[in-house]
Amino acid sequence: MKVILLENVRKIGSIGDVIDVKRGFARNFLISKKKALFASKENIKEVEKIKITLSKKDKEKKNQAKAIQEKIQNKEFIIKKLATENKELYGSVKPTEIAKILNEIEKIEINPSLIQPVKEIKSIGTFKVVLNLHPEVLSEISIKVISEENK
């Protein structure tokens, strides 16, 4: 299925590109999240007209992402969780919890879908987490999980 990208999408293409993707990916992700339009002749002409505006918006998003990256890059955030005696957590640390901590401490709102732990956080220790702030801006933070009993 041919679609026109309305924003830069990592590993897919950039604004205004006409690309061929699988029908499900186009319908369920690109079009539903307003990242692309079906590639009809009318839509191609429309995107050509608004390409400059879309590029400006993308540049603003990239600048915001870079500002967030500078604020939190390589910082460590502490999460207290209940743990067993052999340092296993009763539940894992989810991206929603990480997003909540970032909002509380740094006053930064990040969609949990943009947060990717390098490996699942199921025990006490320090873990690397990658934040996809923008298709061209990645940030890395550390999450230190400590036992809730150690107050």
C-alpha atoms as a PDB file:
ATOM      1  CA  MET A   1       0.000   0.000   0.000  1.00  0.00           C
ATOM      2  CA  LYS A   2       1.445   3.366  -0.990  1.00  0.00           C
ATOM      3  CA  VAL A   3       1.322   6.174   1.566  1.00  0.00           C
ATOM      4  CA  ILE A   4       2.781   9.689   1.885  1.00  0.00           C
ATOM      5  CA  LEU A   5       4.594  10.451   5.139  1.00  0.00           C
ATOM      6  CA  LEU A   6       3.457  13.535   7.049  1.00  0.00           C
ATOM      7  CA  GLU A   7       6.376  13.366   9.496  1.00  0.00           C
ATOM      8  CA  ASN A   8       9.791  11.749   9.798  1.00  0.00           C
ATOM      9  CA  VAL A   9       9.484   8.119  10.876  1.00  0.00           C
ATOM     10  CA  ARG A  10      12.629   6.285  11.974  1.00  0.00           C
ATOM     11  CA  LYS A  11      13.784   3.575   9.530  1.00  0.00           C
ATOM     12  CA  ILE A  12      10.801   4.316   7.232  1.00  0.00           C
ATOM     13  CA  GLY A  13      11.322   7.711   5.604  1.00  0.00           C
ATOM     14  CA  SER A  14      10.982  11.465   5.907  1.00  0.00           C
ATOM     15  CA  ILE A  15       8.266  14.062   5.301  1.00  0.00           C
ATOM     16  CA  GLY A  16       6.710  13.913   1.862  1.00  0.00           C
ATOM     17  CA  ASP A  17       8.186  10.535   0.902  1.00  0.00           C
ATOM     18  CA  VAL A  18       5.846   8.202  -0.974  1.00  0.00           C
ATOM     19  CA  ILE A  19       6.603   4.745   0.394  1.00  0.00           C
ATOM     20  CA  ASP A  20       5.211   1.260  -0.039  1.00  0.00           C
ATOM     21  CA  VAL A  21       4.324  -0.459   3.248  1.00  0.00           C
ATOM     22  CA  LYS A  22       2.169  -3.376   4.310  1.00  0.00           C
ATOM     23  CA  ARG A  23      -1.546  -2.614   4.455  1.00  0.00           C
ATOM     24  CA  GLY A  24      -1.860  -3.368   8.193  1.00  0.00           C
ATOM     25  CA  PHE A  25       1.097  -1.145   9.122  1.00  0.00           C
ATOM     26  CA  ALA A  26      -0.323   1.678   6.997  1.00  0.00           C
ATOM     27  CA  ARG A  27      -3.856   1.448   8.387  1.00  0.00           C
ATOM     28  CA  ASN A  28      -3.168   0.533  12.008  1.00  0.00           C
ATOM     29  CA  PHE A  29      -0.154   2.730  12.660  1.00  0.00           C
ATOM     30  CA  LEU A  30       0.802   5.329  10.057  1.00  0.00           C
ATOM     31  CA  ILE A  31      -2.657   6.542   9.026  1.00  0.00           C
ATOM     32  CA  SER A  32      -4.348   6.074  12.416  1.00  0.00           C
ATOM     33  CA  LYS A  33      -1.617   8.097  14.182  1.00  0.00           C
ATOM     34  CA  LYS A  34      -1.743  10.763  11.440  1.00  0.00           C
ATOM     35  CA  LYS A  35       1.847  10.058  10.395  1.00  0.00           C
ATOM     36  CA  ALA A  36       0.818   9.345   6.788  1.00  0.00           C
ATOM     37  CA  LEU A  37      -1.932   9.692   4.173  1.00  0.00           C
ATOM     38  CA  PHE A  38      -3.067   7.264   1.490  1.00  0.00           C
ATOM     39  CA  ALA A  39      -1.063   8.115  -1.657  1.00  0.00           C
ATOM     40  CA  SER A  40      -3.744   9.428  -4.026  1.00  0.00           C
ATOM     41  CA  LYS A  41      -2.952  12.108  -6.624  1.00  0.00           C
ATOM     42  CA  GLU A  42      -4.920  14.702  -4.608  1.00  0.00           C
ATOM     43  CA  ASN A  43      -3.091  13.829  -1.371  1.00  0.00           C
ATOM     44  CA  ILE A  44       0.320  13.985  -3.080  1.00  0.00           C
ATOM     45  CA  LYS A  45      -0.461  17.509  -4.355  1.00  0.00           C
ATOM     46  CA  GLU A  46      -1.764  18.527  -0.917  1.00  0.00           C
ATOM     47  CA  VAL A  47       1.380  17.265   0.856  1.00  0.00           C
ATOM     48  CA  GLU A  48       3.615  19.093  -1.628  1.00  0.00           C
ATOM     49  CA  LYS A  49       1.800  22.329  -0.700  1.00  0.00           C
ATOM     50  CA  ILE A  50       2.107  21.834   3.065  1.00  0.00           C
ATOM     51  CA  LYS A  51       5.577  20.220   3.078  1.00  0.00           C
ATOM     52  CA  ILE A  52       7.273  23.423   4.310  1.00  0.00           C
ATOM     53  CA  THR A  53       4.824  23.752   7.217  1.00  0.00           C
ATOM     54  CA  LEU A  54       5.298  20.093   8.122  1.00  0.00           C
ATOM     55  CA  SER A  55       9.080  20.519   8.047  1.00  0.00           C
ATOM     56  CA  LYS A  56       8.850  23.509  10.426  1.00  0.00           C
ATOM     57  CA  LYS A  57       6.643  21.528  12.833  1.00  0.00           C
ATOM     58  CA  ASP A  58       9.078  18.605  12.696  1.00  0.00           C
ATOM     59  CA  LYS A  59      11.998  20.935  13.397  1.00  0.00           C
ATOM     60  CA  GLU A  60      10.151  22.350  16.445  1.00  0.00           C
ATOM     61  CA  LYS A  61       9.467  18.827  17.724  1.00  0.00           C
ATOM     62  CA  LYS A  62      13.136  17.953  17.205  1.00  0.00           C
ATOM     63  CA  ASN A  63      14.251  21.060  19.137  1.00  0.00           C
ATOM     64  CA  GLN A  64      11.877  20.187  22.005  1.00  0.00           C
ATOM     65  CA  ALA A  65      13.240  16.633  22.003  1.00  0.00           C
ATOM     66  CA  LYS A  66      16.825  17.949  22.124  1.00  0.00           C
ATOM     67  CA  ALA A  67      15.935  20.229  25.057  1.00  0.00           C
ATOM     68  CA  ILE A  68      14.469  17.259  26.939  1.00  0.00           C
ATOM     69  CA  GLN A  69      17.508  15.171  26.022  1.00  0.00           C
ATOM     70  CA  GLU A  70      19.908  17.796  27.435  1.00  0.00           C
ATOM     71  CA  LYS A  71      17.875  17.960  30.645  1.00  0.00           C
ATOM     72  CA  ILE A  72      17.769  14.217  31.364  1.00  0.00           C
ATOM     73  CA  GLN A  73      20.615  12.597  29.384  1.00  0.00           C
ATOM     74  CA  ASN A  74      22.563  10.073  31.530  1.00  0.00           C
ATOM     75  CA  LYS A  75      20.667  10.998  34.722  1.00  0.00           C
ATOM     76  CA  GLU A  76      19.721   8.376  37.281  1.00  0.00           C
ATOM     77  CA  PHE A  77      16.201   8.045  38.666  1.00  0.00           C
ATOM     78  CA  ILE A  78      15.326   5.967  41.712  1.00  0.00           C
ATOM     79  CA  ILE A  79      12.236   3.756  41.919  1.00  0.00           C
ATOM     80  CA  LYS A  80      11.252   1.985  45.147  1.00  0.00           C
ATOM     81  CA  LYS A  81       9.580  -1.407  44.704  1.00  0.00           C
ATOM     82  CA  LEU A  82       8.695  -4.323  46.949  1.00  0.00           C
ATOM     83  CA  ALA A  83      11.258  -7.105  46.532  1.00  0.00           C
ATOM     84  CA  THR A  84      11.904 -10.632  47.781  1.00  0.00           C
ATOM     85  CA  GLU A  85      14.932 -11.563  49.887  1.00  0.00           C
ATOM     86  CA  ASN A  86      16.871 -12.652  46.784  1.00  0.00           C
ATOM     87  CA  LYS A  87      16.395  -9.192  45.217  1.00  0.00           C
ATOM     88  CA  GLU A  88      13.650 -10.178  42.746  1.00  0.00           C
ATOM     89  CA  LEU A  89      10.791  -7.700  42.339  1.00  0.00           C
ATOM     90  CA  TYR A  90       7.179  -8.744  42.909  1.00  0.00           C
ATOM     91  CA  GLY A  91       6.358  -7.004  39.627  1.00  0.00           C
ATOM     92  CA  SER A  92       8.474  -5.459  36.905  1.00  0.00           C
ATOM     93  CA  VAL A  93       9.077  -1.738  36.411  1.00  0.00           C
ATOM     94  CA  LYS A  94       6.857  -0.665  33.516  1.00  0.00           C
ATOM     95  CA  PRO A  95       7.354   2.280  31.120  1.00  0.00           C
ATOM     96  CA  THR A  96       4.269   3.951  32.675  1.00  0.00           C
ATOM     97  CA  GLU A  97       6.055   4.069  36.053  1.00  0.00           C
ATOM     98  CA  ILE A  98       9.180   5.522  34.430  1.00  0.00           C
ATOM     99  CA  ALA A  99       7.049   8.175  32.662  1.00  0.00           C
ATOM    100  CA  LYS A 100       5.404   9.022  36.018  1.00  0.00           C
ATOM    101  CA  ILE A 101       8.801   9.423  37.737  1.00  0.00           C
ATOM    102  CA  LEU A 102      10.066  11.688  34.909  1.00  0.00           C
ATOM    103  CA  ASN A 103       6.922  13.800  35.216  1.00  0.00           C
ATOM    104  CA  GLU A 104       7.235  14.093  39.027  1.00  0.00           C
ATOM    105  CA  ILE A 105      10.969  14.828  39.187  1.00  0.00           C
ATOM    106  CA  GLU A 106      11.786  16.674  35.941  1.00  0.00           C
ATOM    107  CA  LYS A 107       8.267  17.920  35.019  1.00  0.00           C
ATOM    108  CA  ILE A 108       8.631  16.232  31.609  1.00  0.00           C
ATOM    109  CA  GLU A 109       5.702  14.461  30.012  1.00  0.00           C
ATOM    110  CA  ILE A 110       6.804  11.499  27.919  1.00  0.00           C
ATOM    111  CA  ASN A 111       4.449   8.988  26.350  1.00  0.00           C
ATOM    112  CA  PRO A 112       5.178   5.523  27.870  1.00  0.00           C
ATOM    113  CA  SER A 113       5.291   4.043  24.354  1.00  0.00           C
ATOM    114  CA  LEU A 114       8.493   6.052  23.736  1.00  0.00           C
ATOM    115  CA  ILE A 115      10.249   4.461  26.730  1.00  0.00           C
ATOM    116  CA  GLN A 116      12.199   1.276  26.044  1.00  0.00           C
ATOM    117  CA  PRO A 117      14.080  -0.492  28.837  1.00  0.00           C
ATOM    118  CA  VAL A 118      17.179  -2.189  27.374  1.00  0.00           C
ATOM    119  CA  LYS A 119      16.111  -5.333  29.245  1.00  0.00           C
ATOM    120  CA  GLU A 120      13.117  -6.071  31.432  1.00  0.00           C
ATOM    121  CA  ILE A 121      13.441  -4.588  34.926  1.00  0.00           C
ATOM    122  CA  LYS A 122      12.558  -7.459  37.282  1.00  0.00           C
ATOM    123  CA  SER A 123      15.160  -7.158  40.037  1.00  0.00           C
ATOM    124  CA  ILE A 124      16.950  -4.659  42.251  1.00  0.00           C
ATOM    125  CA  GLY A 125      19.806  -2.842  40.546  1.00  0.00           C
ATOM    126  CA  THR A 126      20.585  -0.182  37.939  1.00  0.00           C
ATOM    127  CA  PHE A 127      19.178  -0.490  34.436  1.00  0.00           C
ATOM    128  CA  LYS A 128      19.637   1.487  31.210  1.00  0.00           C
ATOM    129  CA  VAL A 129      16.488   2.859  29.553  1.00  0.00           C
ATOM    130  CA  VAL A 130      16.318   4.359  26.053  1.00  0.00           C
ATOM    131  CA  LEU A 131      13.873   7.203  25.333  1.00  0.00           C
ATOM    132  CA  ASN A 132      12.788   7.731  21.707  1.00  0.00           C
ATOM    133  CA  LEU A 133      12.117  11.452  21.960  1.00  0.00           C
ATOM    134  CA  HIS A 134      12.108  12.024  18.177  1.00  0.00           C
ATOM    135  CA  PRO A 135      13.028   9.888  15.148  1.00  0.00           C
ATOM    136  CA  GLU A 136      16.438  11.597  15.187  1.00  0.00           C
ATOM    137  CA  VAL A 137      16.853  12.133  18.955  1.00  0.00           C
ATOM    138  CA  LEU A 138      17.491   9.313  21.414  1.00  0.00           C
ATOM    139  CA  SER A 139      18.223   9.774  25.091  1.00  0.00           C
ATOM    140  CA  GLU A 140      19.503   7.314  27.664  1.00  0.00           C
ATOM    141  CA  ILE A 141      18.773   7.359  31.388  1.00  0.00           C
ATOM    142  CA  SER A 142      19.454   4.993  34.275  1.00  0.00           C
ATOM    143  CA  ILE A 143      16.763   3.593  36.515  1.00  0.00           C
ATOM    144  CA  LYS A 144      17.994   2.489  39.935  1.00  0.00           C
ATOM    145  CA  VAL A 145      15.562   0.100  41.571  1.00  0.00           C
ATOM    146  CA  ILE A 146      15.845  -0.135  45.345  1.00  0.00           C
ATOM    147  CA  SER A 147      13.906  -2.203  47.853  1.00  0.00           C
ATOM    148  CA  GLU A 148      11.008  -0.428  49.532  1.00  0.00           C
ATOM    149  CA  GLU A 149      11.941  -1.958  52.915  1.00  0.00           C
ATOM    150  CA  ASN A 150      15.289  -0.089  52.972  1.00  0.00           C
ATOM    151  CA  LYS A 151      13.951   3.233  54.296  1.00  0.00           C
END
